Amino acid sequence: MKTLNNAQIYTLRRLSSGTLYMLRGDRCKAFERRNEVSYSLEFDDINAPSLPVLFRLGLVEFSLAGNKVPTMFYPVRLTQAGQETAATMQVMQEV
């Protein structure tokens, strides 16, 4: 398996803990959906550049089956390989 960088490992761990991530139908752009700090019913969308790479590696997949509109965002989930990777990968320590 390809070595993952720290950002990709953290993204996998956040996905496994239930954080909602959305990937665009063309699989080129993604974001993390975080609750707004000041108001609980609104969201901050945080760019997640690691997610398209994880999708290409087969560690995440779309939660909904079917054709995807290239300009719309869809929720993703971990694949079985992604769950195993999130549980076993260690973050690299800086020297």
N, C-alpha and C. Protein backbone atom coordinates (compact mmCIF):
# COMPACT_ATOMS: atom_id res chain seq x y z
N MET A 1 0.83 -1.18 0.00
CA MET A 1 0.00 0.00 0.00
C MET A 1 0.87 1.25 0.00
N LYS A 2 0.40 2.27 -0.67
CA LYS A 2 1.10 3.54 -0.74
C LYS A 2 1.18 4.16 0.65
N THR A 3 2.29 4.82 0.94
CA THR A 3 2.44 5.52 2.20
C THR A 3 1.57 6.77 2.19
N LEU A 4 0.80 6.95 3.23
CA LEU A 4 -0.08 8.11 3.34
C LEU A 4 0.59 9.20 4.16
N ASN A 5 0.30 10.46 3.83
CA ASN A 5 0.84 11.54 4.64
C ASN A 5 -0.07 11.77 5.86
N ASN A 6 0.38 12.61 6.76
CA ASN A 6 -0.36 12.84 8.01
C ASN A 6 -1.77 13.36 7.77
N ALA A 7 -1.94 14.28 6.83
CA ALA A 7 -3.26 14.84 6.56
C ALA A 7 -4.23 13.76 6.09
N GLN A 8 -3.76 12.84 5.27
CA GLN A 8 -4.62 11.76 4.79
C GLN A 8 -5.00 10.81 5.93
N ILE A 9 -4.07 10.53 6.82
CA ILE A 9 -4.35 9.66 7.97
C ILE A 9 -5.37 10.33 8.89
N TYR A 10 -5.19 11.62 9.16
CA TYR A 10 -6.15 12.33 10.01
C TYR A 10 -7.53 12.37 9.37
N THR A 11 -7.60 12.53 8.05
CA THR A 11 -8.89 12.52 7.36
C THR A 11 -9.56 11.17 7.51
N LEU A 12 -8.82 10.09 7.35
CA LEU A 12 -9.39 8.75 7.54
C LEU A 12 -9.91 8.57 8.97
N ARG A 13 -9.14 9.03 9.94
CA ARG A 13 -9.56 8.89 11.33
C ARG A 13 -10.82 9.70 11.62
N ARG A 14 -10.90 10.91 11.06
CA ARG A 14 -12.09 11.73 11.27
C ARG A 14 -13.31 11.10 10.61
N LEU A 15 -13.12 10.53 9.43
CA LEU A 15 -14.22 9.82 8.78
C LEU A 15 -14.68 8.64 9.62
N SER A 16 -13.75 7.90 10.19
CA SER A 16 -14.12 6.74 10.99
C SER A 16 -14.82 7.13 12.29
N SER A 17 -14.58 8.36 12.76
CA SER A 17 -15.25 8.82 13.98
C SER A 17 -16.60 9.46 13.70
N GLY A 18 -16.99 9.55 12.42
CA GLY A 18 -18.32 10.04 12.10
C GLY A 18 -18.39 11.43 11.51
N THR A 19 -17.28 12.07 11.26
CA THR A 19 -17.28 13.40 10.64
C THR A 19 -17.80 13.29 9.21
N LEU A 20 -18.65 14.23 8.82
CA LEU A 20 -19.25 14.21 7.48
C LEU A 20 -18.32 14.88 6.47
N TYR A 21 -17.99 14.17 5.42
CA TYR A 21 -17.22 14.69 4.30
C TYR A 21 -18.05 14.57 3.04
N MET A 22 -17.91 15.55 2.15
CA MET A 22 -18.64 15.57 0.89
C MET A 22 -17.63 15.64 -0.26
N LEU A 23 -17.87 14.84 -1.31
CA LEU A 23 -17.00 14.80 -2.48
C LEU A 23 -17.83 15.18 -3.70
N ARG A 24 -17.28 16.05 -4.54
CA ARG A 24 -17.99 16.46 -5.74
C ARG A 24 -18.09 15.29 -6.71
N GLY A 25 -19.14 15.28 -7.52
CA GLY A 25 -19.40 14.18 -8.44
C GLY A 25 -18.29 13.91 -9.43
N ASP A 26 -17.49 14.93 -9.77
CA ASP A 26 -16.36 14.71 -10.68
C ASP A 26 -15.12 14.20 -9.94
N ARG A 27 -15.23 14.03 -8.63
CA ARG A 27 -14.19 13.46 -7.77
C ARG A 27 -12.92 14.31 -7.69
N CYS A 28 -13.05 15.62 -7.90
CA CYS A 28 -11.88 16.50 -7.89
C CYS A 28 -11.81 17.44 -6.69
N LYS A 29 -12.92 17.64 -6.00
CA LYS A 29 -12.96 18.61 -4.89
C LYS A 29 -13.81 18.03 -3.77
N ALA A 30 -13.39 18.32 -2.53
CA ALA A 30 -14.12 17.80 -1.38
C ALA A 30 -14.05 18.80 -0.23
N PHE A 31 -14.98 18.64 0.71
CA PHE A 31 -14.95 19.45 1.91
C PHE A 31 -15.44 18.67 3.11
N GLU A 32 -15.02 19.15 4.28
CA GLU A 32 -15.49 18.61 5.55
C GLU A 32 -16.59 19.54 6.05
N ARG A 33 -17.66 18.97 6.51
CA ARG A 33 -18.79 19.76 7.00
C ARG A 33 -18.69 19.84 8.52
N ARG A 34 -18.34 21.04 9.04
CA ARG A 34 -18.21 21.25 10.48
C ARG A 34 -19.35 22.14 10.97
N ASN A 35 -19.81 21.88 12.18
CA ASN A 35 -20.83 22.74 12.78
C ASN A 35 -20.25 24.12 13.03
N GLU A 36 -21.05 25.14 12.76
CA GLU A 36 -20.67 26.52 13.04
C GLU A 36 -20.54 26.67 14.56
N VAL A 37 -19.48 27.31 15.00
CA VAL A 37 -19.24 27.45 16.43
C VAL A 37 -20.31 28.31 17.10
N SER A 38 -20.69 29.40 16.46
CA SER A 38 -21.61 30.33 17.10
C SER A 38 -23.07 29.91 17.00
N TYR A 39 -23.40 29.04 16.04
CA TYR A 39 -24.80 28.66 15.84
C TYR A 39 -24.85 27.22 15.38
N SER A 40 -25.49 26.36 16.13
CA SER A 40 -25.39 24.92 15.90
C SER A 40 -26.12 24.42 14.66
N LEU A 41 -27.01 25.20 14.05
CA LEU A 41 -27.75 24.74 12.88
C LEU A 41 -27.09 25.13 11.57
N GLU A 42 -25.97 25.84 11.63
CA GLU A 42 -25.26 26.22 10.42
C GLU A 42 -23.94 25.47 10.36
N PHE A 43 -23.37 25.42 9.15
CA PHE A 43 -22.15 24.65 8.94
C PHE A 43 -21.07 25.51 8.31
N ASP A 44 -19.84 25.18 8.65
CA ASP A 44 -18.66 25.71 7.96
C ASP A 44 -18.15 24.59 7.07
N ASP A 45 -17.94 24.88 5.81
CA ASP A 45 -17.39 23.90 4.89
C ASP A 45 -15.88 24.13 4.78
N ILE A 46 -15.11 23.15 5.23
CA ILE A 46 -13.65 23.25 5.27
C ILE A 46 -13.08 22.41 4.13
N ASN A 47 -12.21 23.01 3.31
CA ASN A 47 -11.60 22.30 2.19
C ASN A 47 -10.89 21.04 2.67
N ALA A 48 -11.07 19.94 1.92
CA ALA A 48 -10.44 18.66 2.27
C ALA A 48 -9.71 18.09 1.06
N PRO A 49 -8.52 18.61 0.75
CA PRO A 49 -7.81 18.16 -0.45
C PRO A 49 -7.33 16.71 -0.39
N SER A 50 -7.29 16.10 0.78
CA SER A 50 -6.86 14.70 0.89
C SER A 50 -7.91 13.72 0.40
N LEU A 51 -9.17 14.12 0.43
CA LEU A 51 -10.24 13.18 0.13
C LEU A 51 -10.23 12.65 -1.30
N PRO A 52 -10.03 13.47 -2.34
CA PRO A 52 -9.96 12.90 -3.70
C PRO A 52 -8.85 11.87 -3.85
N VAL A 53 -7.73 12.08 -3.18
CA VAL A 53 -6.62 11.12 -3.24
C VAL A 53 -7.04 9.81 -2.57
N LEU A 54 -7.69 9.91 -1.42
CA LEU A 54 -8.16 8.71 -0.72
C LEU A 54 -9.20 7.96 -1.55
N PHE A 55 -10.01 8.70 -2.30
CA PHE A 55 -10.99 8.07 -3.19
C PHE A 55 -10.27 7.29 -4.29
N ARG A 56 -9.25 7.91 -4.90
CA ARG A 56 -8.51 7.23 -5.96
C ARG A 56 -7.79 5.98 -5.45
N LEU A 57 -7.39 6.00 -4.19
CA LEU A 57 -6.71 4.84 -3.59
C LEU A 57 -7.69 3.76 -3.15
N GLY A 58 -8.98 4.04 -3.24
CA GLY A 58 -10.00 3.05 -2.88
C GLY A 58 -10.27 2.96 -1.39
N LEU A 59 -9.91 3.99 -0.64
CA LEU A 59 -10.12 3.98 0.81
C LEU A 59 -11.45 4.60 1.22
N VAL A 60 -12.04 5.40 0.34
CA VAL A 60 -13.38 5.96 0.57
C VAL A 60 -14.22 5.75 -0.68
N GLU A 61 -15.54 5.78 -0.50
CA GLU A 61 -16.48 5.62 -1.60
C GLU A 61 -17.69 6.49 -1.34
N PHE A 62 -18.47 6.73 -2.39
CA PHE A 62 -19.70 7.49 -2.23
C PHE A 62 -20.68 6.68 -1.38
N SER A 63 -21.41 7.34 -0.49
CA SER A 63 -22.40 6.66 0.35
C SER A 63 -23.63 6.27 -0.46
N LEU A 64 -23.94 7.04 -1.49
CA LEU A 64 -25.12 6.80 -2.31
C LEU A 64 -24.72 6.20 -3.64
N ALA A 65 -25.43 5.15 -4.05
CA ALA A 65 -25.14 4.52 -5.34
C ALA A 65 -25.79 5.32 -6.47
N GLY A 66 -25.36 5.05 -7.69
CA GLY A 66 -25.97 5.68 -8.85
C GLY A 66 -25.05 6.68 -9.51
N ASN A 67 -25.57 7.27 -10.58
CA ASN A 67 -24.81 8.27 -11.34
C ASN A 67 -24.67 9.55 -10.53
N LYS A 68 -23.56 10.23 -10.73
CA LYS A 68 -23.28 11.46 -10.01
C LYS A 68 -23.23 12.64 -10.97
N VAL A 69 -23.88 13.73 -10.59
CA VAL A 69 -23.80 14.98 -11.35
C VAL A 69 -22.44 15.60 -11.02
N PRO A 70 -21.64 15.95 -12.04
CA PRO A 70 -20.27 16.42 -11.78
C PRO A 70 -20.16 17.66 -10.90
N THR A 71 -21.21 18.48 -10.82
CA THR A 71 -21.12 19.73 -10.06
C THR A 71 -21.77 19.67 -8.68
N MET A 72 -22.32 18.53 -8.31
CA MET A 72 -22.97 18.39 -7.00
C MET A 72 -22.07 17.60 -6.04
N PHE A 73 -22.25 17.86 -4.75
CA PHE A 73 -21.46 17.18 -3.72
C PHE A 73 -22.28 16.05 -3.10
N TYR A 74 -21.59 14.94 -2.80
CA TYR A 74 -22.24 13.75 -2.25
C TYR A 74 -21.45 13.26 -1.03
N PRO A 75 -22.15 12.70 -0.03
CA PRO A 75 -21.44 12.19 1.15
C PRO A 75 -20.62 10.95 0.82
N VAL A 76 -19.54 10.77 1.56
CA VAL A 76 -18.68 9.60 1.36
C VAL A 76 -18.58 8.82 2.67
N ARG A 77 -18.11 7.58 2.55
CA ARG A 77 -17.88 6.71 3.71
C ARG A 77 -16.60 5.92 3.45
N LEU A 78 -16.08 5.32 4.50
CA LEU A 78 -14.89 4.49 4.39
C LEU A 78 -15.24 3.14 3.77
N THR A 79 -14.35 2.63 2.95
CA THR A 79 -14.47 1.26 2.48
C THR A 79 -13.88 0.35 3.56
N GLN A 80 -13.96 -0.94 3.35
CA GLN A 80 -13.37 -1.88 4.32
C GLN A 80 -11.86 -1.64 4.43
N ALA A 81 -11.21 -1.42 3.30
CA ALA A 81 -9.77 -1.12 3.31
C ALA A 81 -9.50 0.19 4.05
N GLY A 82 -10.37 1.16 3.88
CA GLY A 82 -10.22 2.44 4.57
C GLY A 82 -10.36 2.31 6.07
N GLN A 83 -11.29 1.47 6.52
CA GLN A 83 -11.47 1.24 7.95
C GLN A 83 -10.24 0.57 8.55
N GLU A 84 -9.70 -0.41 7.84
CA GLU A 84 -8.49 -1.08 8.32
C GLU A 84 -7.30 -0.13 8.36
N THR A 85 -7.18 0.69 7.33
CA THR A 85 -6.08 1.65 7.27
C THR A 85 -6.20 2.68 8.38
N ALA A 86 -7.40 3.19 8.63
CA ALA A 86 -7.61 4.18 9.69
C ALA A 86 -7.25 3.61 11.06
N ALA A 87 -7.48 2.33 11.24
CA ALA A 87 -7.20 1.70 12.53
C ALA A 87 -5.72 1.37 12.72
N THR A 88 -4.98 1.16 11.63
CA THR A 88 -3.62 0.67 11.77
C THR A 88 -2.52 1.67 11.42
N MET A 89 -2.80 2.67 10.61
CA MET A 89 -1.74 3.61 10.19
C MET A 89 -1.31 4.50 11.34
N GLN A 90 -0.02 4.75 11.40
CA GLN A 90 0.55 5.62 12.42
C GLN A 90 0.98 6.94 11.78
N VAL A 91 0.79 8.02 12.52
CA VAL A 91 1.20 9.34 12.05
C VAL A 91 2.71 9.43 12.13
N MET A 92 3.32 10.00 11.08
CA MET A 92 4.78 10.17 11.06
C MET A 92 5.16 11.34 11.96
N GLN A 93 6.17 11.14 12.78
CA GLN A 93 6.65 12.19 13.68
C GLN A 93 7.65 13.07 12.95
N GLU A 94 7.56 14.38 13.21
CA GLU A 94 8.53 15.30 12.62
C GLU A 94 9.86 15.17 13.35
N VAL A 95 10.92 15.34 12.59
CA VAL A 95 12.26 15.24 13.16
C VAL A 95 12.77 16.61 13.52
